Amino acid sequence: MTGVLARLLVLVAVVWLAVGVLAAGQRHYFTDHSATCAHAGDVAATVLVGPLNYTGVNPKISCKLPTPSS
């Protein structure tokens, strides 16, 4: 029974990430080749939240570096 549960969890994880890749593709994240930290973060976050993208989740990543205080 443990092997069946493990296979089911792997299948769910693969489908989850595949839906995230589909959402990122629909947002044209793979055709926009801007090489910024924020863009890479947006792509990664979109893939990771998977099906939640279709419930209104729109993850955005900000890569602002902290400024040293004087």
PDB file of N, CA and C in Angstrom:
ATOM      1  N   MET A   1       0.820  -1.205   0.000  1.00  0.00           N
ATOM      2  CA  MET A   1       0.000   0.000   0.000  1.00  0.00           C
ATOM      3  C   MET A   1       0.861   1.266   0.000  1.00  0.00           C
ATOM      4  N   THR A   2       2.008   1.223   0.635  1.00  0.00           N
ATOM      5  CA  THR A   2       2.881   2.396   0.674  1.00  0.00           C
ATOM      6  C   THR A   2       3.394   2.750  -0.714  1.00  0.00           C
ATOM      7  N   GLY A   3       3.705   1.743  -1.522  1.00  0.00           N
ATOM      8  CA  GLY A   3       4.168   1.988  -2.882  1.00  0.00           C
ATOM      9  C   GLY A   3       3.105   2.658  -3.730  1.00  0.00           C
ATOM     10  N   VAL A   4       1.858   2.269  -3.529  1.00  0.00           N
ATOM     11  CA  VAL A   4       0.749   2.870  -4.275  1.00  0.00           C
ATOM     12  C   VAL A   4       0.589   4.332  -3.876  1.00  0.00           C
ATOM     13  N   LEU A   5       0.681   4.614  -2.584  1.00  0.00           N
ATOM     14  CA  LEU A   5       0.555   5.994  -2.107  1.00  0.00           C
ATOM     15  C   LEU A   5       1.691   6.866  -2.637  1.00  0.00           C
ATOM     16  N   ALA A   6       2.901   6.320  -2.641  1.00  0.00           N
ATOM     17  CA  ALA A   6       4.052   7.071  -3.152  1.00  0.00           C
ATOM     18  C   ALA A   6       3.881   7.377  -4.639  1.00  0.00           C
ATOM     19  N   ARG A   7       3.421   6.402  -5.394  1.00  0.00           N
ATOM     20  CA  ARG A   7       3.210   6.622  -6.827  1.00  0.00           C
ATOM     21  C   ARG A   7       2.114   7.658  -7.065  1.00  0.00           C
ATOM     22  N   LEU A   8       1.074   7.606  -6.250  1.00  0.00           N
ATOM     23  CA  LEU A   8      -0.008   8.577  -6.377  1.00  0.00           C
ATOM     24  C   LEU A   8       0.489   9.988  -6.074  1.00  0.00           C
ATOM     25  N   LEU A   9       1.297  10.127  -5.040  1.00  0.00           N
ATOM     26  CA  LEU A   9       1.846  11.450  -4.697  1.00  0.00           C
ATOM     27  C   LEU A   9       2.762  11.977  -5.795  1.00  0.00           C
ATOM     28  N   VAL A  10       3.565  11.099  -6.378  1.00  0.00           N
ATOM     29  CA  VAL A  10       4.439  11.519  -7.483  1.00  0.00           C
ATOM     30  C   VAL A  10       3.600  11.949  -8.676  1.00  0.00           C
ATOM     31  N   LEU A  11       2.555  11.198  -8.977  1.00  0.00           N
ATOM     32  CA  LEU A  11       1.677  11.552 -10.093  1.00  0.00           C
ATOM     33  C   LEU A  11       1.009  12.904  -9.862  1.00  0.00           C
ATOM     34  N   VAL A  12       0.522  13.133  -8.650  1.00  0.00           N
ATOM     35  CA  VAL A  12      -0.115  14.414  -8.328  1.00  0.00           C
ATOM     36  C   VAL A  12       0.894  15.555  -8.456  1.00  0.00           C
ATOM     37  N   ALA A  13       2.119  15.344  -7.985  1.00  0.00           N
ATOM     38  CA  ALA A  13       3.148  16.384  -8.076  1.00  0.00           C
ATOM     39  C   ALA A  13       3.496  16.697  -9.526  1.00  0.00           C
ATOM     40  N   VAL A  14       3.610  15.669 -10.355  1.00  0.00           N
ATOM     41  CA  VAL A  14       3.948  15.883 -11.769  1.00  0.00           C
ATOM     42  C   VAL A  14       2.818  16.629 -12.472  1.00  0.00           C
ATOM     43  N   VAL A  15       1.585  16.236 -12.220  1.00  0.00           N
ATOM     44  CA  VAL A  15       0.442  16.923 -12.834  1.00  0.00           C
ATOM     45  C   VAL A  15       0.371  18.360 -12.339  1.00  0.00           C
ATOM     46  N   TRP A  16       0.595  18.585 -11.034  1.00  0.00           N
ATOM     47  CA  TRP A  16       0.578  19.929 -10.449  1.00  0.00           C
ATOM     48  C   TRP A  16       1.575  20.832 -11.170  1.00  0.00           C
ATOM     49  N   LEU A  17       2.816  20.347 -11.318  1.00  0.00           N
ATOM     50  CA  LEU A  17       3.841  21.157 -11.973  1.00  0.00           C
ATOM     51  C   LEU A  17       3.560  21.332 -13.464  1.00  0.00           C
ATOM     52  N   ALA A  18       2.995  20.325 -14.103  1.00  0.00           N
ATOM     53  CA  ALA A  18       2.653  20.446 -15.527  1.00  0.00           C
ATOM     54  C   ALA A  18       1.597  21.532 -15.735  1.00  0.00           C
ATOM     55  N   VAL A  19       0.630  21.605 -14.846  1.00  0.00           N
ATOM     56  CA  VAL A  19      -0.387  22.660 -14.942  1.00  0.00           C
ATOM     57  C   VAL A  19       0.271  24.024 -14.723  1.00  0.00           C
ATOM     58  N   GLY A  20       1.237  24.105 -13.817  1.00  0.00           N
ATOM     59  CA  GLY A  20       1.968  25.353 -13.603  1.00  0.00           C
ATOM     60  C   GLY A  20       2.754  25.776 -14.831  1.00  0.00           C
ATOM     61  N   VAL A  21       3.389  24.820 -15.505  1.00  0.00           N
ATOM     62  CA  VAL A  21       4.121  25.122 -16.744  1.00  0.00           C
ATOM     63  C   VAL A  21       3.148  25.597 -17.818  1.00  0.00           C
ATOM     64  N   LEU A  22       1.987  24.973 -17.885  1.00  0.00           N
ATOM     65  CA  LEU A  22       0.963  25.401 -18.843  1.00  0.00           C
ATOM     66  C   LEU A  22       0.532  26.845 -18.562  1.00  0.00           C
ATOM     67  N   ALA A  23       0.315  27.181 -17.301  1.00  0.00           N
ATOM     68  CA  ALA A  23      -0.077  28.544 -16.936  1.00  0.00           C
ATOM     69  C   ALA A  23       1.019  29.546 -17.295  1.00  0.00           C
ATOM     70  N   ALA A  24       2.270  29.188 -17.032  1.00  0.00           N
ATOM     71  CA  ALA A  24       3.382  30.083 -17.379  1.00  0.00           C
ATOM     72  C   ALA A  24       3.467  30.270 -18.890  1.00  0.00           C
ATOM     73  N   GLY A  25       3.216  29.215 -19.636  1.00  0.00           N
ATOM     74  CA  GLY A  25       3.213  29.319 -21.095  1.00  0.00           C
ATOM     75  C   GLY A  25       2.097  30.216 -21.591  1.00  0.00           C
ATOM     76  N   GLN A  26       0.913  30.115 -20.974  1.00  0.00           N
ATOM     77  CA  GLN A  26      -0.208  30.955 -21.379  1.00  0.00           C
ATOM     78  C   GLN A  26       0.050  32.432 -21.064  1.00  0.00           C
ATOM     79  N   ARG A  27       0.892  32.686 -20.088  1.00  0.00           N
ATOM     80  CA  ARG A  27       1.255  34.070 -19.761  1.00  0.00           C
ATOM     81  C   ARG A  27       2.468  34.535 -20.563  1.00  0.00           C
ATOM     82  N   HIS A  28       2.923  33.726 -21.505  1.00  0.00           N
ATOM     83  CA  HIS A  28       4.039  34.032 -22.404  1.00  0.00           C
ATOM     84  C   HIS A  28       5.347  34.269 -21.652  1.00  0.00           C
ATOM     85  N   TYR A  29       5.519  33.599 -20.525  1.00  0.00           N
ATOM     86  CA  TYR A  29       6.756  33.747 -19.768  1.00  0.00           C
ATOM     87  C   TYR A  29       7.941  33.082 -20.456  1.00  0.00           C
ATOM     88  N   PHE A  30       7.681  32.111 -21.324  1.00  0.00           N
ATOM     89  CA  PHE A  30       8.779  31.413 -21.984  1.00  0.00           C
ATOM     90  C   PHE A  30       9.195  32.084 -23.282  1.00  0.00           C
ATOM     91  N   THR A  31       8.378  32.981 -23.819  1.00  0.00           N
ATOM     92  CA  THR A  31       8.745  33.692 -25.038  1.00  0.00           C
ATOM     93  C   THR A  31       9.355  35.055 -24.734  1.00  0.00           C
ATOM     94  N   ASP A  32       9.102  35.586 -23.539  1.00  0.00           N
ATOM     95  CA  ASP A  32       9.696  36.847 -23.112  1.00  0.00           C
ATOM     96  C   ASP A  32      11.056  36.524 -22.502  1.00  0.00           C
ATOM     97  N   HIS A  33      12.116  36.925 -23.180  1.00  0.00           N
ATOM     98  CA  HIS A  33      13.453  36.535 -22.758  1.00  0.00           C
ATOM     99  C   HIS A  33      14.162  37.604 -21.933  1.00  0.00           C
ATOM    100  N   SER A  34      13.416  38.332 -21.112  1.00  0.00           N
ATOM    101  CA  SER A  34      14.080  39.306 -20.255  1.00  0.00           C
ATOM    102  C   SER A  34      14.776  38.554 -19.124  1.00  0.00           C
ATOM    103  N   ALA A  35      16.061  38.741 -19.021  1.00  0.00           N
ATOM    104  CA  ALA A  35      16.860  37.992 -18.054  1.00  0.00           C
ATOM    105  C   ALA A  35      16.999  38.784 -16.761  1.00  0.00           C
ATOM    106  N   THR A  36      15.891  38.898 -16.045  1.00  0.00           N
ATOM    107  CA  THR A  36      15.943  39.605 -14.770  1.00  0.00           C
ATOM    108  C   THR A  36      15.584  38.647 -13.647  1.00  0.00           C
ATOM    109  N   CYS A  37      15.984  39.013 -12.471  1.00  0.00           N
ATOM    110  CA  CYS A  37      15.663  38.215 -11.295  1.00  0.00           C
ATOM    111  C   CYS A  37      14.153  38.130 -11.111  1.00  0.00           C
ATOM    112  N   ALA A  38      13.464  39.240 -11.298  1.00  0.00           N
ATOM    113  CA  ALA A  38      12.012  39.261 -11.111  1.00  0.00           C
ATOM    114  C   ALA A  38      11.310  38.356 -12.119  1.00  0.00           C
ATOM    115  N   HIS A  39      11.761  38.358 -13.359  1.00  0.00           N
ATOM    116  CA  HIS A  39      11.141  37.511 -14.382  1.00  0.00           C
ATOM    117  C   HIS A  39      11.351  36.031 -14.051  1.00  0.00           C
ATOM    118  N   ALA A  40      12.564  35.669 -13.687  1.00  0.00           N
ATOM    119  CA  ALA A  40      12.840  34.273 -13.323  1.00  0.00           C
ATOM    120  C   ALA A  40      12.020  33.867 -12.100  1.00  0.00           C
ATOM    121  N   GLY A  41      11.885  34.769 -11.147  1.00  0.00           N
ATOM    122  CA  GLY A  41      11.072  34.487  -9.963  1.00  0.00           C
ATOM    123  C   GLY A  41       9.606  34.325 -10.302  1.00  0.00           C
ATOM    124  N   ASP A  42       9.105  35.156 -11.209  1.00  0.00           N
ATOM    125  CA  ASP A  42       7.706  35.038 -11.633  1.00  0.00           C
ATOM    126  C   ASP A  42       7.442  33.689 -12.300  1.00  0.00           C
ATOM    127  N   VAL A  43       8.366  33.261 -13.160  1.00  0.00           N
ATOM    128  CA  VAL A  43       8.210  31.975 -13.840  1.00  0.00           C
ATOM    129  C   VAL A  43       8.209  30.845 -12.808  1.00  0.00           C
ATOM    130  N   ALA A  44       9.175  30.848 -11.911  1.00  0.00           N
ATOM    131  CA  ALA A  44       9.275  29.786 -10.911  1.00  0.00           C
ATOM    132  C   ALA A  44       8.044  29.765 -10.001  1.00  0.00           C
ATOM    133  N   ALA A  45       7.601  30.923  -9.555  1.00  0.00           N
ATOM    134  CA  ALA A  45       6.438  30.986  -8.669  1.00  0.00           C
ATOM    135  C   ALA A  45       5.177  30.516  -9.388  1.00  0.00           C
ATOM    136  N   THR A  46       5.024  30.883 -10.643  1.00  0.00           N
ATOM    137  CA  THR A  46       3.850  30.464 -11.409  1.00  0.00           C
ATOM    138  C   THR A  46       3.823  28.947 -11.568  1.00  0.00           C
ATOM    139  N   VAL A  47       4.974  28.357 -11.862  1.00  0.00           N
ATOM    140  CA  VAL A  47       5.038  26.903 -12.010  1.00  0.00           C
ATOM    141  C   VAL A  47       4.739  26.222 -10.675  1.00  0.00           C
ATOM    142  N   LEU A  48       5.276  26.753  -9.594  1.00  0.00           N
ATOM    143  CA  LEU A  48       5.093  26.112  -8.292  1.00  0.00           C
ATOM    144  C   LEU A  48       3.667  26.194  -7.756  1.00  0.00           C
ATOM    145  N   VAL A  49       2.949  27.265  -8.050  1.00  0.00           N
ATOM    146  CA  VAL A  49       1.573  27.342  -7.533  1.00  0.00           C
ATOM    147  C   VAL A  49       0.605  26.557  -8.398  1.00  0.00           C
ATOM    148  N   GLY A  50       1.071  26.089  -9.558  1.00  0.00           N
ATOM    149  CA  GLY A  50       0.314  25.146 -10.375  1.00  0.00           C
ATOM    150  C   GLY A  50      -1.128  25.544 -10.645  1.00  0.00           C
ATOM    151  N   PRO A  51      -2.083  24.677 -10.310  1.00  0.00           N
ATOM    152  CA  PRO A  51      -3.495  24.918 -10.609  1.00  0.00           C
ATOM    153  C   PRO A  51      -4.073  26.148  -9.910  1.00  0.00           C
ATOM    154  N   LEU A  52      -3.429  26.631  -8.874  1.00  0.00           N
ATOM    155  CA  LEU A  52      -3.938  27.827  -8.195  1.00  0.00           C
ATOM    156  C   LEU A  52      -3.932  29.045  -9.102  1.00  0.00           C
ATOM    157  N   ASN A  53      -3.124  28.989 -10.183  1.00  0.00           N
ATOM    158  CA  ASN A  53      -3.114  30.078 -11.160  1.00  0.00           C
ATOM    159  C   ASN A  53      -4.505  30.300 -11.749  1.00  0.00           C
ATOM    160  N   TYR A  54      -5.280  29.242 -11.861  1.00  0.00           N
ATOM    161  CA  TYR A  54      -6.598  29.326 -12.481  1.00  0.00           C
ATOM    162  C   TYR A  54      -7.694  29.687 -11.489  1.00  0.00           C
ATOM    163  N   THR A  55      -7.302  29.942 -10.242  1.00  0.00           N
ATOM    164  CA  THR A  55      -8.267  30.404  -9.238  1.00  0.00           C
ATOM    165  C   THR A  55      -8.048  31.873  -8.910  1.00  0.00           C
ATOM    166  N   GLY A  56      -7.174  32.526  -9.655  1.00  0.00           N
ATOM    167  CA  GLY A  56      -6.943  33.947  -9.462  1.00  0.00           C
ATOM    168  C   GLY A  56      -5.599  34.288  -8.855  1.00  0.00           C
ATOM    169  N   VAL A  57      -4.815  33.293  -8.490  1.00  0.00           N
ATOM    170  CA  VAL A  57      -3.491  33.551  -7.934  1.00  0.00           C
ATOM    171  C   VAL A  57      -2.578  34.019  -9.067  1.00  0.00           C
ATOM    172  N   ASN A  58      -1.895  35.126  -8.862  1.00  0.00           N
ATOM    173  CA  ASN A  58      -0.973  35.661  -9.865  1.00  0.00           C
ATOM    174  C   ASN A  58       0.317  36.052  -9.151  1.00  0.00           C
ATOM    175  N   PRO A  59       1.194  35.082  -8.902  1.00  0.00           N
ATOM    176  CA  PRO A  59       2.392  35.379  -8.116  1.00  0.00           C
ATOM    177  C   PRO A  59       3.352  36.299  -8.856  1.00  0.00           C
ATOM    178  N   LYS A  60       3.846  37.273  -8.150  1.00  0.00           N
ATOM    179  CA  LYS A  60       4.856  38.190  -8.682  1.00  0.00           C
ATOM    180  C   LYS A  60       5.992  38.261  -7.670  1.00  0.00           C
ATOM    181  N   ILE A  61       7.197  38.269  -8.162  1.00  0.00           N
ATOM    182  CA  ILE A  61       8.384  38.295  -7.326  1.00  0.00           C
ATOM    183  C   ILE A  61       9.104  39.622  -7.543  1.00  0.00           C
ATOM    184  N   SER A  62       9.515  40.224  -6.452  1.00  0.00           N
ATOM    185  CA  SER A  62      10.288  41.458  -6.518  1.00  0.00           C
ATOM    186  C   SER A  62      11.707  41.150  -6.050  1.00  0.00           C
ATOM    187  N   CYS A  63      12.683  41.596  -6.780  1.00  0.00           N
ATOM    188  CA  CYS A  63      14.076  41.314  -6.438  1.00  0.00           C
ATOM    189  C   CYS A  63      14.819  42.592  -6.087  1.00  0.00           C
ATOM    190  N   LYS A  64      14.240  43.362  -5.217  1.00  0.00           N
ATOM    191  CA  LYS A  64      14.896  44.599  -4.802  1.00  0.00           C
ATOM    192  C   LYS A  64      15.941  44.283  -3.756  1.00  0.00           C
ATOM    193  N   LEU A  65      17.146  44.767  -3.998  1.00  0.00           N
ATOM    194  CA  LEU A  65      18.215  44.571  -3.041  1.00  0.00           C
ATOM    195  C   LEU A  65      18.102  45.618  -1.938  1.00  0.00           C
ATOM    196  N   PRO A  66      18.382  45.235  -0.721  1.00  0.00           N
ATOM    197  CA  PRO A  66      18.339  46.220   0.353  1.00  0.00           C
ATOM    198  C   PRO A  66      19.428  47.264   0.174  1.00  0.00           C
ATOM    199  N   THR A  67      19.093  48.497   0.462  1.00  0.00           N
ATOM    200  CA  THR A  67      20.082  49.563   0.359  1.00  0.00           C
ATOM    201  C   THR A  67      20.750  49.745   1.700  1.00  0.00           C
ATOM    202  N   PRO A  68      22.066  49.902   1.671  1.00  0.00           N
ATOM    203  CA  PRO A  68      22.762  50.079   2.949  1.00  0.00           C
ATOM    204  C   PRO A  68      22.399  51.415   3.575  1.00  0.00           C
ATOM    205  N   SER A  69      22.111  51.388   4.850  1.00  0.00           N
ATOM    206  CA  SER A  69      21.792  52.639   5.549  1.00  0.00           C
ATOM    207  C   SER A  69      23.075  53.275   6.042  1.00  0.00           C
ATOM    208  N   SER A  70      23.134  54.597   5.936  1.00  0.00           N
ATOM    209  CA  SER A  70      24.377  55.270   6.340  1.00  0.00           C
ATOM    210  C   SER A  70      24.256  55.855   7.714  1.00  0.00           C
TER     211      SER A  70
END
